[in-house]
PDB file of N, CA and C in Angstrom:
ATOM      1  N   UNK A   1       0.843  -1.244  -0.032  1.00  0.00           N
ATOM      2  CA  UNK A   1      -0.031   0.035  -0.109  1.00  0.00           C
ATOM      3  C   UNK A   1       0.759   1.266  -0.018  1.00  0.00           C
ATOM      4  N   UNK A   2       1.968   1.392   0.754  1.00  0.00           N
ATOM      5  CA  UNK A   2       2.718   2.606   1.023  1.00  0.00           C
ATOM      6  C   UNK A   2       4.076   2.385   0.760  1.00  0.00           C
ATOM      7  N   UNK A   3       4.634   3.444   0.060  1.00  0.00           N
ATOM      8  CA  UNK A   3       6.188   3.512  -0.018  1.00  0.00           C
ATOM      9  C   UNK A   3       6.663   3.898   1.178  1.00  0.00           C
ATOM     10  N   UNK A   4       6.092   4.944   1.927  1.00  0.00           N
ATOM     11  CA  UNK A   4       6.660   5.264   3.223  1.00  0.00           C
ATOM     12  C   UNK A   4       7.708   6.413   3.150  1.00  0.00           C
ATOM     13  N   UNK A   5       8.245   6.640   2.074  1.00  0.00           N
ATOM     14  CA  UNK A   5       9.293   7.671   2.017  1.00  0.00           C
ATOM     15  C   UNK A   5       8.606   9.111   2.099  1.00  0.00           C
ATOM     16  N   UNK A   6       9.282   9.865   3.076  1.00  0.00           N
ATOM     17  CA  UNK A   6       8.941  11.336   3.145  1.00  0.00           C
ATOM     18  C   UNK A   6       9.553  11.896   1.823  1.00  0.00           C
ATOM     19  N   UNK A   7       8.510  12.479   1.038  1.00  0.00           N
ATOM     20  CA  UNK A   7       9.030  13.095  -0.313  1.00  0.00           C
ATOM     21  C   UNK A   7       8.862  14.553  -0.256  1.00  0.00           C
ATOM     22  N   UNK A   8       8.280  15.211   0.558  1.00  0.00           N
ATOM     23  CA  UNK A   8       8.072  16.657   0.318  1.00  0.00           C
ATOM     24  C   UNK A   8       7.838  17.209   1.940  1.00  0.00           C
ATOM     25  N   UNK A   9       8.353  18.393   2.150  1.00  0.00           N
ATOM     26  CA  UNK A   9       8.095  19.195   3.352  1.00  0.00           C
ATOM     27  C   UNK A   9       7.734  20.570   3.182  1.00  0.00           C
ATOM     28  N   UNK A  10       6.585  20.900   3.518  1.00  0.00           N
ATOM     29  CA  UNK A  10       6.068  22.248   3.431  1.00  0.00           C
ATOM     30  C   UNK A  10       6.189  23.080   4.697  1.00  0.00           C
ATOM     31  N   UNK A  11       6.561  24.450   4.488  1.00  0.00           N
ATOM     32  CA  UNK A  11       6.800  25.319   5.470  1.00  0.00           C
ATOM     33  C   UNK A  11       5.703  26.465   5.312  1.00  0.00           C
ATOM     34  N   UNK A  12       4.656  26.662   6.255  1.00  0.00           N
ATOM     35  CA  UNK A  12       3.824  27.911   6.125  1.00  0.00           C
ATOM     36  C   UNK A  12       4.511  29.112   6.492  1.00  0.00           C
ATOM     37  N   UNK A  13       4.455  30.207   5.845  1.00  0.00           N
ATOM     38  CA  UNK A  13       5.106  31.458   5.955  1.00  0.00           C
ATOM     39  C   UNK A  13       4.204  32.627   5.870  1.00  0.00           C
ATOM     40  N   UNK A  14       4.380  33.720   6.649  1.00  0.00           N
ATOM     41  CA  UNK A  14       3.643  34.928   6.585  1.00  0.00           C
ATOM     42  C   UNK A  14       3.996  35.727   5.411  1.00  0.00           C
ATOM     43  N   UNK A  15       5.424  35.968   5.246  1.00  0.00           N
ATOM     44  CA  UNK A  15       5.929  36.781   4.334  1.00  0.00           C
ATOM     45  C   UNK A  15       6.836  35.905   3.285  1.00  0.00           C
ATOM     46  N   UNK A  16       6.388  35.644   2.102  1.00  0.00           N
ATOM     47  CA  UNK A  16       7.112  34.833   1.326  1.00  0.00           C
ATOM     48  C   UNK A  16       8.560  35.297   0.835  1.00  0.00           C
ATOM     49  N   UNK A  17       8.765  36.556   0.691  1.00  0.00           N
ATOM     50  CA  UNK A  17      10.022  37.135   0.138  1.00  0.00           C
ATOM     51  C   UNK A  17      11.150  36.990   1.278  1.00  0.00           C
ATOM     52  N   UNK A  18      10.596  37.250   2.495  1.00  0.00           N
ATOM     53  CA  UNK A  18      11.425  37.180   3.807  1.00  0.00           C
ATOM     54  C   UNK A  18      11.898  35.752   3.877  1.00  0.00           C
ATOM     55  N   UNK A  19      10.857  34.848   3.747  1.00  0.00           N
ATOM     56  CA  UNK A  19      11.230  33.351   3.995  1.00  0.00           C
ATOM     57  C   UNK A  19      12.204  32.777   2.926  1.00  0.00           C
ATOM     58  N   UNK A  20      11.892  33.127   1.656  1.00  0.00           N
ATOM     59  CA  UNK A  20      12.882  32.702   0.693  1.00  0.00           C
ATOM     60  C   UNK A  20      14.191  33.148   0.924  1.00  0.00           C
ATOM     61  N   UNK A  21      14.447  34.405   1.317  1.00  0.00           N
ATOM     62  CA  UNK A  21      15.709  34.968   1.604  1.00  0.00           C
ATOM     63  C   UNK A  21      16.431  34.349   2.934  1.00  0.00           C
ATOM     64  N   UNK A  22      15.475  34.111   3.953  1.00  0.00           N
ATOM     65  CA  UNK A  22      15.910  33.454   5.145  1.00  0.00           C
ATOM     66  C   UNK A  22      16.475  32.086   4.912  1.00  0.00           C
ATOM     67  N   UNK A  23      15.629  31.290   4.234  1.00  0.00           N
ATOM     68  CA  UNK A  23      16.017  29.816   4.103  1.00  0.00           C
ATOM     69  C   UNK A  23      17.263  29.778   3.068  1.00  0.00           C
ATOM     70  N   UNK A  24      17.078  30.407   2.155  1.00  0.00           N
ATOM     71  CA  UNK A  24      18.256  30.266   1.162  1.00  0.00           C
ATOM     72  C   UNK A  24      19.573  30.723   1.658  1.00  0.00           C
ATOM     73  N   UNK A  25      19.696  31.745   2.606  1.00  0.00           N
ATOM     74  CA  UNK A  25      20.764  32.153   3.254  1.00  0.00           C
ATOM     75  C   UNK A  25      21.202  31.218   4.424  1.00  0.00           C
ATOM     76  N   UNK A  26      20.160  30.648   5.161  1.00  0.00           N
ATOM     77  CA  UNK A  26      20.418  29.879   6.230  1.00  0.00           C
ATOM     78  C   UNK A  26      20.889  28.341   5.809  1.00  0.00           C
ATOM     79  N   UNK A  27      20.302  27.809   4.838  1.00  0.00           N
ATOM     80  CA  UNK A  27      20.697  26.395   4.527  1.00  0.00           C
ATOM     81  C   UNK A  27      21.184  26.292   3.086  1.00  0.00           C
ATOM     82  N   UNK A  28      21.210  27.358   2.279  1.00  0.00           N
ATOM     83  CA  UNK A  28      21.859  27.230   1.088  1.00  0.00           C
ATOM     84  C   UNK A  28      20.705  26.528   0.085  1.00  0.00           C
ATOM     85  N   UNK A  29      19.379  26.725   0.421  1.00  0.00           N
ATOM     86  CA  UNK A  29      18.382  26.142  -0.448  1.00  0.00           C
ATOM     87  C   UNK A  29      18.322  26.827  -1.736  1.00  0.00           C
ATOM     88  N   UNK A  30      18.038  26.293  -2.866  1.00  0.00           N
ATOM     89  CA  UNK A  30      17.787  26.902  -4.133  1.00  0.00           C
ATOM     90  C   UNK A  30      16.138  27.048  -4.136  1.00  0.00           C
ATOM     91  N   UNK A  31      15.551  28.110  -4.235  1.00  0.00           N
ATOM     92  CA  UNK A  31      14.189  28.262  -4.180  1.00  0.00           C
ATOM     93  C   UNK A  31      13.482  28.929  -5.142  1.00  0.00           C
ATOM     94  N   UNK A  32      12.687  28.291  -5.922  1.00  0.00           N
ATOM     95  CA  UNK A  32      12.134  28.886  -7.042  1.00  0.00           C
ATOM     96  C   UNK A  32      10.674  28.184  -7.382  1.00  0.00           C
ATOM     97  N   UNK A  33       9.731  28.817  -7.892  1.00  0.00           N
ATOM     98  CA  UNK A  33       8.563  28.051  -8.467  1.00  0.00           C
ATOM     99  C   UNK A  33       8.770  27.393  -9.706  1.00  0.00           C
ATOM    100  N   UNK A  34       8.593  25.984  -9.801  1.00  0.00           N
ATOM    101  CA  UNK A  34       8.622  25.305 -10.916  1.00  0.00           C
ATOM    102  C   UNK A  34       7.730  25.766 -12.065  1.00  0.00           C
ATOM    103  N   UNK A  35       7.955  25.366 -13.403  1.00  0.00           N
ATOM    104  CA  UNK A  35       7.009  25.730 -14.352  1.00  0.00           C
ATOM    105  C   UNK A  35       5.760  25.251 -14.028  1.00  0.00           C
ATOM    106  N   UNK A  36       4.797  26.137 -14.262  1.00  0.00           N
ATOM    107  CA  UNK A  36       3.247  25.666 -13.990  1.00  0.00           C
ATOM    108  C   UNK A  36       2.876  25.964 -12.521  1.00  0.00           C
ATOM    109  N   UNK A  37       3.799  26.129 -11.549  1.00  0.00           N
ATOM    110  CA  UNK A  37       3.531  26.419 -10.284  1.00  0.00           C
ATOM    111  C   UNK A  37       4.491  27.560  -9.721  1.00  0.00           C
ATOM    112  N   UNK A  38       4.398  28.608 -10.492  1.00  0.00           N
ATOM    113  CA  UNK A  38       5.409  29.678 -10.090  1.00  0.00           C
ATOM    114  C   UNK A  38       4.982  30.396  -8.919  1.00  0.00           C
ATOM    115  N   UNK A  39       3.711  30.305  -8.411  1.00  0.00           N
ATOM    116  CA  UNK A  39       3.184  30.877  -7.218  1.00  0.00           C
ATOM    117  C   UNK A  39       3.558  30.020  -5.954  1.00  0.00           C
ATOM    118  N   UNK A  40       4.125  28.849  -6.188  1.00  0.00           N
ATOM    119  CA  UNK A  40       4.439  27.937  -5.073  1.00  0.00           C
ATOM    120  C   UNK A  40       6.054  27.550  -5.099  1.00  0.00           C
ATOM    121  N   UNK A  41       6.778  28.544  -4.402  1.00  0.00           N
ATOM    122  CA  UNK A  41       8.195  28.513  -4.391  1.00  0.00           C
ATOM    123  C   UNK A  41       8.541  27.150  -3.727  1.00  0.00           C
ATOM    124  N   UNK A  42       9.326  26.325  -4.431  1.00  0.00           N
ATOM    125  CA  UNK A  42       9.781  25.011  -3.874  1.00  0.00           C
ATOM    126  C   UNK A  42      11.474  25.159  -3.675  1.00  0.00           C
ATOM    127  N   UNK A  43      11.742  24.439  -2.673  1.00  0.00           N
ATOM    128  CA  UNK A  43      13.106  24.445  -2.267  1.00  0.00           C
ATOM    129  C   UNK A  43      13.675  23.037  -2.476  1.00  0.00           C
ATOM    130  N   UNK A  44      15.052  23.097  -2.773  1.00  0.00           N
ATOM    131  CA  UNK A  44      15.764  21.829  -2.888  1.00  0.00           C
ATOM    132  C   UNK A  44      17.079  21.934  -2.108  1.00  0.00           C
ATOM    133  N   UNK A  45      17.245  20.827  -1.195  1.00  0.00           N
ATOM    134  CA  UNK A  45      18.535  21.033  -0.372  1.00  0.00           C
ATOM    135  C   UNK A  45      19.650  20.734  -1.213  1.00  0.00           C
ATOM    136  N   UNK A  46      20.880  21.266  -0.621  1.00  0.00           N
ATOM    137  CA  UNK A  46      22.052  21.063  -1.466  1.00  0.00           C
ATOM    138  C   UNK A  46      22.494  19.539  -1.873  1.00  0.00           C
ATOM    139  N   UNK A  47      21.939  18.582  -1.026  1.00  0.00           N
ATOM    140  CA  UNK A  47      22.001  17.215  -1.389  1.00  0.00           C
ATOM    141  C   UNK A  47      21.255  16.627  -2.564  1.00  0.00           C
ATOM    142  N   UNK A  48      20.446  17.615  -3.097  1.00  0.00           N
ATOM    143  CA  UNK A  48      19.468  17.254  -4.262  1.00  0.00           C
ATOM    144  C   UNK A  48      18.490  16.039  -3.951  1.00  0.00           C
ATOM    145  N   UNK A  49      18.483  15.610  -2.741  1.00  0.00           N
ATOM    146  CA  UNK A  49      17.482  14.551  -2.374  1.00  0.00           C
ATOM    147  C   UNK A  49      16.225  15.045  -1.741  1.00  0.00           C
ATOM    148  N   UNK A  50      16.375  15.851  -0.651  1.00  0.00           N
ATOM    149  CA  UNK A  50      15.240  16.431  -0.042  1.00  0.00           C
ATOM    150  C   UNK A  50      14.702  17.645  -0.611  1.00  0.00           C
ATOM    151  N   UNK A  51      13.436  18.009  -0.302  1.00  0.00           N
ATOM    152  CA  UNK A  51      12.936  19.242  -0.784  1.00  0.00           C
ATOM    153  C   UNK A  51      11.564  19.470  -0.310  1.00  0.00           C
ATOM    154  N   UNK A  52      10.899  20.658  -0.769  1.00  0.00           N
ATOM    155  CA  UNK A  52       9.754  20.898  -0.311  1.00  0.00           C
ATOM    156  C   UNK A  52       9.168  22.388  -0.851  1.00  0.00           C
ATOM    157  N   UNK A  53       8.337  22.958  -0.248  1.00  0.00           N
ATOM    158  CA  UNK A  53       7.829  24.127  -0.550  1.00  0.00           C
ATOM    159  C   UNK A  53       7.497  25.023   0.503  1.00  0.00           C
ATOM    160  N   UNK A  54       7.303  26.384   0.236  1.00  0.00           N
ATOM    161  CA  UNK A  54       7.032  27.407   1.022  1.00  0.00           C
ATOM    162  C   UNK A  54       5.519  27.773   0.600  1.00  0.00           C
ATOM    163  N   UNK A  55       4.667  27.829   1.651  1.00  0.00           N
ATOM    164  CA  UNK A  55       3.274  28.132   1.296  1.00  0.00           C
ATOM    165  C   UNK A  55       2.729  29.166   2.435  1.00  0.00           C
ATOM    166  N   UNK A  56       1.650  29.886   1.858  1.00  0.00           N
ATOM    167  CA  UNK A  56       1.245  30.820   2.618  1.00  0.00           C
ATOM    168  C   UNK A  56       0.573  30.437   3.932  1.00  0.00           C
ATOM    169  N   UNK A  57       0.754  30.863   5.116  1.00  0.00           N
ATOM    170  CA  UNK A  57       0.156  30.377   6.390  1.00  0.00           C
ATOM    171  C   UNK A  57      -1.157  30.856   6.407  1.00  0.00           C
ATOM    172  N   UNK A  58      -2.139  29.854   6.857  1.00  0.00           N
ATOM    173  CA  UNK A  58      -3.518  30.131   7.188  1.00  0.00           C
ATOM    174  C   UNK A  58      -4.091  29.358   8.289  1.00  0.00           C
ATOM    175  N   UNK A  59      -5.279  29.585   8.653  1.00  0.00           N
ATOM    176  CA  UNK A  59      -5.840  28.972   9.945  1.00  0.00           C
ATOM    177  C   UNK A  59      -5.836  27.354   9.992  1.00  0.00           C
ATOM    178  N   UNK A  60      -5.595  26.754   8.656  1.00  0.00           N
ATOM    179  CA  UNK A  60      -5.531  25.239   8.709  1.00  0.00           C
ATOM    180  C   UNK A  60      -4.165  24.769   8.532  1.00  0.00           C
ATOM    181  N   UNK A  61      -3.106  25.890   8.296  1.00  0.00           N
ATOM    182  CA  UNK A  61      -1.827  25.401   7.841  1.00  0.00           C
ATOM    183  C   UNK A  61      -0.836  26.287   8.889  1.00  0.00           C
ATOM    184  N   UNK A  62      -0.633  26.060  10.093  1.00  0.00           N
ATOM    185  CA  UNK A  62       0.235  26.711  10.963  1.00  0.00           C
ATOM    186  C   UNK A  62       1.580  26.187  11.308  1.00  0.00           C
ATOM    187  N   UNK A  63       1.618  24.748  11.024  1.00  0.00           N
ATOM    188  CA  UNK A  63       2.922  24.063  11.409  1.00  0.00           C
ATOM    189  C   UNK A  63       3.432  23.416   9.978  1.00  0.00           C
ATOM    190  N   UNK A  64       4.814  23.211  10.102  1.00  0.00           N
ATOM    191  CA  UNK A  64       5.320  22.613   8.947  1.00  0.00           C
ATOM    192  C   UNK A  64       4.664  21.102   8.772  1.00  0.00           C
ATOM    193  N   UNK A  65       4.598  20.676   7.544  1.00  0.00           N
ATOM    194  CA  UNK A  65       3.986  19.553   7.143  1.00  0.00           C
ATOM    195  C   UNK A  65       4.737  18.495   6.255  1.00  0.00           C
ATOM    196  N   UNK A  66       5.106  17.365   6.654  1.00  0.00           N
ATOM    197  CA  UNK A  66       5.763  16.383   5.806  1.00  0.00           C
ATOM    198  C   UNK A  66       4.562  15.720   5.119  1.00  0.00           C
ATOM    199  N   UNK A  67       5.042  15.171   3.822  1.00  0.00           N
ATOM    200  CA  UNK A  67       4.262  14.474   2.999  1.00  0.00           C
ATOM    201  C   UNK A  67       5.039  13.166   2.676  1.00  0.00           C
ATOM    202  N   UNK A  68       4.259  11.958   2.883  1.00  0.00           N
ATOM    203  CA  UNK A  68       4.636  10.708   2.657  1.00  0.00           C
ATOM    204  C   UNK A  68       4.068  10.086   1.319  1.00  0.00           C
ATOM    205  N   UNK A  69       5.004   9.635   0.616  1.00  0.00           N
ATOM    206  CA  UNK A  69       4.592   8.971  -0.676  1.00  0.00           C
ATOM    207  C   UNK A  69       3.926   7.640  -0.446  1.00  0.00           C
ATOM    208  N   UNK A  70       2.749   7.440  -1.070  1.00  0.00           N
ATOM    209  CA  UNK A  70       2.023   6.133  -0.942  1.00  0.00           C
ATOM    210  C   UNK A  70       1.686   5.542  -2.365  1.00  0.00           C
ATOM    211  N   UNK A  71       1.311   4.425  -2.446  1.00  0.00           N
ATOM    212  CA  UNK A  71       1.000   3.726  -3.633  1.00  0.00           C
ATOM    213  C   UNK A  71      -0.492   4.150  -4.040  1.00  0.00           C
ATOM    214  N   UNK A  72      -1.426   4.271  -3.005  1.00  0.00           N
ATOM    215  CA  UNK A  72      -2.770   4.601  -3.300  1.00  0.00           C
ATOM    216  C   UNK A  72      -3.316   5.470  -2.119  1.00  0.00           C
ATOM    217  N   UNK A  73      -3.558   6.814  -2.469  1.00  0.00           N
ATOM    218  CA  UNK A  73      -4.084   7.748  -1.430  1.00  0.00           C
ATOM    219  C   UNK A  73      -5.564   7.112  -0.940  1.00  0.00           C
ATOM    220  N   UNK A  74      -6.293   6.576  -1.976  1.00  0.00           N
ATOM    221  CA  UNK A  74      -7.584   6.243  -1.588  1.00  0.00           C
ATOM    222  C   UNK A  74      -7.414   5.162  -0.371  1.00  0.00           C
ATOM    223  N   UNK A  75      -6.559   4.157  -0.648  1.00  0.00           N
ATOM    224  CA  UNK A  75      -6.465   3.010   0.306  1.00  0.00           C
ATOM    225  C   UNK A  75      -5.852   3.611   1.668  1.00  0.00           C
ATOM    226  N   UNK A  76      -4.925   4.517   1.465  1.00  0.00           N
ATOM    227  CA  UNK A  76      -4.395   5.059   2.807  1.00  0.00           C
ATOM    228  C   UNK A  76      -5.453   5.741   3.479  1.00  0.00           C
ATOM    229  N   UNK A  77      -6.269   6.673   2.900  1.00  0.00           N
ATOM    230  CA  UNK A  77      -7.156   7.568   3.578  1.00  0.00           C
ATOM    231  C   UNK A  77      -8.318   6.562   4.297  1.00  0.00           C
ATOM    232  N   UNK A  78      -8.496   5.321   3.558  1.00  0.00           N
ATOM    233  CA  UNK A  78      -9.537   4.474   4.090  1.00  0.00           C
ATOM    234  C   UNK A  78      -8.897   3.874   5.460  1.00  0.00           C
ATOM    235  N   UNK A  79      -7.656   3.410   5.348  1.00  0.00           N
ATOM    236  CA  UNK A  79      -6.974   3.105   6.510  1.00  0.00           C
ATOM    237  C   UNK A  79      -6.833   4.087   7.732  1.00  0.00           C
ATOM    238  N   UNK A  80      -6.753   5.273   7.297  1.00  0.00           N
ATOM    239  CA  UNK A  80      -6.670   6.417   8.237  1.00  0.00           C
ATOM    240  C   UNK A  80      -7.935   6.425   8.997  1.00  0.00           C
ATOM    241  N   UNK A  81      -9.043   6.440   8.313  1.00  0.00           N
ATOM    242  CA  UNK A  81     -10.514   6.419   8.898  1.00  0.00           C
ATOM    243  C   UNK A  81     -10.549   5.187   9.830  1.00  0.00           C
ATOM    244  N   UNK A  82     -10.297   4.062   9.471  1.00  0.00           N
ATOM    245  CA  UNK A  82     -10.388   2.826  10.092  1.00  0.00           C
ATOM    246  C   UNK A  82      -9.419   2.871  11.271  1.00  0.00           C
ATOM    247  N   UNK A  83      -8.321   3.601  11.398  1.00  0.00           N
ATOM    248  CA  UNK A  83      -7.385   3.614  12.484  1.00  0.00           C
ATOM    249  C   UNK A  83      -7.551   4.648  13.449  1.00  0.00           C
ATOM    250  N   UNK A  84      -8.723   5.506  13.301  1.00  0.00           N
ATOM    251  CA  UNK A  84      -8.921   6.425  14.258  1.00  0.00           C
ATOM    252  C   UNK A  84      -8.368   8.058  13.911  1.00  0.00           C
ATOM    253  N   UNK A  85      -7.920   8.034  12.704  1.00  0.00           N
ATOM    254  CA  UNK A  85      -7.530   9.345  12.171  1.00  0.00           C
ATOM    255  C   UNK A  85      -8.587  10.048  11.423  1.00  0.00           C
ATOM    256  N   UNK A  86      -8.383  11.267  10.848  1.00  0.00           N
ATOM    257  CA  UNK A  86      -9.357  11.887   9.990  1.00  0.00           C
ATOM    258  C   UNK A  86      -8.781  12.649   8.854  1.00  0.00           C
ATOM    259  N   UNK A  87      -9.618  12.632   7.790  1.00  0.00           N
ATOM    260  CA  UNK A  87      -9.175  13.089   6.656  1.00  0.00           C
ATOM    261  C   UNK A  87      -9.365  14.781   6.740  1.00  0.00           C
ATOM    262  N   UNK A  88      -8.420  15.559   6.658  1.00  0.00           N
ATOM    263  CA  UNK A  88      -8.319  17.036   6.698  1.00  0.00           C
ATOM    264  C   UNK A  88      -8.614  17.635   5.161  1.00  0.00           C
ATOM    265  N   UNK A  89      -7.833  17.150   4.155  1.00  0.00           N
ATOM    266  CA  UNK A  89      -8.028  17.497   2.858  1.00  0.00           C
ATOM    267  C   UNK A  89      -8.128  16.245   2.036  1.00  0.00           C
ATOM    268  N   UNK A  90      -9.177  16.005   1.363  1.00  0.00           N
ATOM    269  CA  UNK A  90      -9.530  14.960   0.498  1.00  0.00           C
ATOM    270  C   UNK A  90      -8.362  14.959  -0.742  1.00  0.00           C
ATOM    271  N   UNK A  91      -8.283  13.736  -1.314  1.00  0.00           N
ATOM    272  CA  UNK A  91      -7.503  13.580  -2.496  1.00  0.00           C
ATOM    273  C   UNK A  91      -7.728  14.687  -3.492  1.00  0.00           C
ATOM    274  N   UNK A  92      -6.604  15.383  -3.860  1.00  0.00           N
ATOM    275  CA  UNK A  92      -6.934  16.277  -4.914  1.00  0.00           C
ATOM    276  C   UNK A  92      -5.670  16.355  -5.987  1.00  0.00           C
ATOM    277  N   UNK A  93      -5.895  16.652  -7.204  1.00  0.00           N
ATOM    278  CA  UNK A  93      -4.985  16.563  -8.229  1.00  0.00           C
ATOM    279  C   UNK A  93      -3.745  17.543  -8.157  1.00  0.00           C
ATOM    280  N   UNK A  94      -2.482  17.215  -8.276  1.00  0.00           N
ATOM    281  CA  UNK A  94      -1.463  18.129  -8.444  1.00  0.00           C
ATOM    282  C   UNK A  94      -1.201  18.327  -9.867  1.00  0.00           C
ATOM    283  N   UNK A  95      -1.313  17.282 -10.638  1.00  0.00           N
ATOM    284  CA  UNK A  95      -1.000  17.200 -12.062  1.00  0.00           C
ATOM    285  C   UNK A  95      -1.812  16.012 -12.625  1.00  0.00           C
ATOM    286  N   UNK A  96      -1.856  15.688 -13.812  1.00  0.00           N
ATOM    287  CA  UNK A  96      -2.419  14.587 -14.401  1.00  0.00           C
ATOM    288  C   UNK A  96      -2.099  13.268 -13.867  1.00  0.00           C
ATOM    289  N   UNK A  97      -0.933  13.097 -13.364  1.00  0.00           N
ATOM    290  CA  UNK A  97      -0.327  11.907 -12.790  1.00  0.00           C
ATOM    291  C   UNK A  97      -0.055  11.993 -11.463  1.00  0.00           C
ATOM    292  N   UNK A  98      -0.435  12.945 -10.513  1.00  0.00           N
ATOM    293  CA  UNK A  98      -0.021  13.067  -9.273  1.00  0.00           C
ATOM    294  C   UNK A  98      -1.156  13.705  -8.266  1.00  0.00           C
ATOM    295  N   UNK A  99      -1.182  13.137  -7.130  1.00  0.00           N
ATOM    296  CA  UNK A  99      -2.326  13.677  -6.220  1.00  0.00           C
ATOM    297  C   UNK A  99      -1.730  13.981  -4.863  1.00  0.00           C
ATOM    298  N   UNK A 100      -2.488  14.613  -4.126  1.00  0.00           N
ATOM    299  CA  UNK A 100      -1.968  14.938  -2.620  1.00  0.00           C
ATOM    300  C   UNK A 100      -3.354  14.668  -1.755  1.00  0.00           C
ATOM    301  N   UNK A 101      -3.161  14.562  -0.433  1.00  0.00           N
ATOM    302  CA  UNK A 101      -4.230  14.748   0.484  1.00  0.00           C
ATOM    303  C   UNK A 101      -3.734  14.894   1.845  1.00  0.00           C
ATOM    304  N   UNK A 102      -4.363  15.397   2.906  1.00  0.00           N
ATOM    305  CA  UNK A 102      -3.859  15.443   4.149  1.00  0.00           C
ATOM    306  C   UNK A 102      -4.730  14.855   5.145  1.00  0.00           C
ATOM    307  N   UNK A 103      -4.165  14.211   6.161  1.00  0.00           N
ATOM    308  CA  UNK A 103      -4.879  13.593   7.242  1.00  0.00           C
ATOM    309  C   UNK A 103      -4.387  14.025   8.508  1.00  0.00           C
ATOM    310  N   UNK A 104      -5.266  13.842   9.751  1.00  0.00           N
ATOM    311  CA  UNK A 104      -4.654  13.965  10.948  1.00  0.00           C
ATOM    312  C   UNK A 104      -4.708  12.644  11.741  1.00  0.00           C
ATOM    313  N   UNK A 105      -3.655  12.519  12.673  1.00  0.00           N
ATOM    314  CA  UNK A 105      -3.554  11.306  13.376  1.00  0.00           C
ATOM    315  C   UNK A 105      -4.427  11.353  14.583  1.00  0.00           C
ATOM    316  N   UNK A 106      -4.598  10.444  15.406  1.00  0.00           N
ATOM    317  CA  UNK A 106      -5.502  10.612  16.618  1.00  0.00           C
ATOM    318  C   UNK A 106      -5.015  11.546  17.503  1.00  0.00           C
ATOM    319  N   UNK A 107      -3.713  12.157  17.339  1.00  0.00           N
ATOM    320  CA  UNK A 107      -3.300  13.227  18.421  1.00  0.00           C
ATOM    321  C   UNK A 107      -3.498  14.626  17.547  1.00  0.00           C
ATOM    322  N   UNK A 108      -3.934  14.652  16.352  1.00  0.00           N
ATOM    323  CA  UNK A 108      -4.210  15.969  15.789  1.00  0.00           C
ATOM    324  C   UNK A 108      -3.151  16.427  14.807  1.00  0.00           C
ATOM    325  N   UNK A 109      -2.105  15.642  14.730  1.00  0.00           N
ATOM    326  CA  UNK A 109      -1.047  16.020  13.882  1.00  0.00           C
ATOM    327  C   UNK A 109      -1.406  15.813  12.442  1.00  0.00           C
ATOM    328  N   UNK A 110      -1.016  16.908  11.484  1.00  0.00           N
ATOM    329  CA  UNK A 110      -1.378  16.743  10.122  1.00  0.00           C
ATOM    330  C   UNK A 110      -0.265  16.248   9.371  1.00  0.00           C
ATOM    331  N   UNK A 111      -0.488  15.248   8.489  1.00  0.00           N
ATOM    332  CA  UNK A 111       0.544  14.563   7.665  1.00  0.00           C
ATOM    333  C   UNK A 111      -0.045  14.566   6.330  1.00  0.00           C
ATOM    334  N   UNK A 112       0.736  14.962   5.302  1.00  0.00           N
ATOM    335  CA  UNK A 112       0.411  14.918   3.870  1.00  0.00           C
ATOM    336  C   UNK A 112       0.760  13.868   3.259  1.00  0.00           C
ATOM    337  N   UNK A 113      -0.121  13.375   2.129  1.00  0.00           N
ATOM    338  CA  UNK A 113       0.144  12.170   1.381  1.00  0.00           C
ATOM    339  C   UNK A 113       0.382  12.583  -0.028  1.00  0.00           C
ATOM    340  N   UNK A 114       1.176  11.855  -0.734  1.00  0.00           N
ATOM    341  CA  UNK A 114       1.600  12.113  -2.186  1.00  0.00           C
ATOM    342  C   UNK A 114       1.491  10.748  -2.896  1.00  0.00           C
ATOM    343  N   UNK A 115       0.765  10.854  -3.922  1.00  0.00           N
ATOM    344  CA  UNK A 115       0.698   9.599  -4.912  1.00  0.00           C
ATOM    345  C   UNK A 115       1.072  10.268  -6.346  1.00  0.00           C
ATOM    346  N   UNK A 116       1.987   9.518  -6.854  1.00  0.00           N
ATOM    347  CA  UNK A 116       2.307   9.996  -8.268  1.00  0.00           C
ATOM    348  C   UNK A 116       2.851   8.825  -9.262  1.00  0.00           C
ATOM    349  N   UNK A 117       2.368   8.788 -10.423  1.00  0.00           N
ATOM    350  CA  UNK A 117       2.725   7.944 -11.363  1.00  0.00           C
ATOM    351  C   UNK A 117       3.442   8.615 -12.568  1.00  0.00           C
ATOM    352  N   UNK A 118       4.703   8.063 -12.986  1.00  0.00           N
ATOM    353  CA  UNK A 118       5.526   8.682 -14.091  1.00  0.00           C
ATOM    354  C   UNK A 118       5.063   7.931 -15.398  1.00  0.00           C
ATOM    355  N   UNK A 119       4.323   6.759 -15.280  1.00  0.00           N
ATOM    356  CA  UNK A 119       4.034   6.083 -16.442  1.00  0.00           C
ATOM    357  C   UNK A 119       2.544   6.333 -16.966  1.00  0.00           C
ATOM    358  N   UNK A 120       1.793   7.149 -16.202  1.00  0.00           N
ATOM    359  CA  UNK A 120       0.444   7.555 -16.591  1.00  0.00           C
ATOM    360  C   UNK A 120      -0.358   6.618 -15.996  1.00  0.00           C
ATOM    361  N   UNK A 121       0.060   5.557 -15.065  1.00  0.00           N
ATOM    362  CA  UNK A 121      -0.898   4.674 -14.584  1.00  0.00           C
ATOM    363  C   UNK A 121      -1.302   5.007 -13.216  1.00  0.00           C
TER     364      UNK A 121
END
């Protein structure tokens, strides 16, 4: 059902320009919005392995959020519900071949899910 790899880490911010300058200077992150997502600055760590994005802070997004890659968001959300968690954001498309969702665990922690297919399947 799940890959289990943490694939993405989002940081909610109040001032996007300040945050980009801060994290680029602090950690050496390359921060830019990818084609088609220019309003969503993504960062890549110098090791080119880990990365994530900066997003505008709001009442539903106040703490950093990790995203875990899974084979099926639908199956994972069903298991979340069965296990005492709750769905915060239902499965939604990122692109034609990738989706995300957010759930909360029984303690109220929000965890993101990512499902993607490079073969169109």
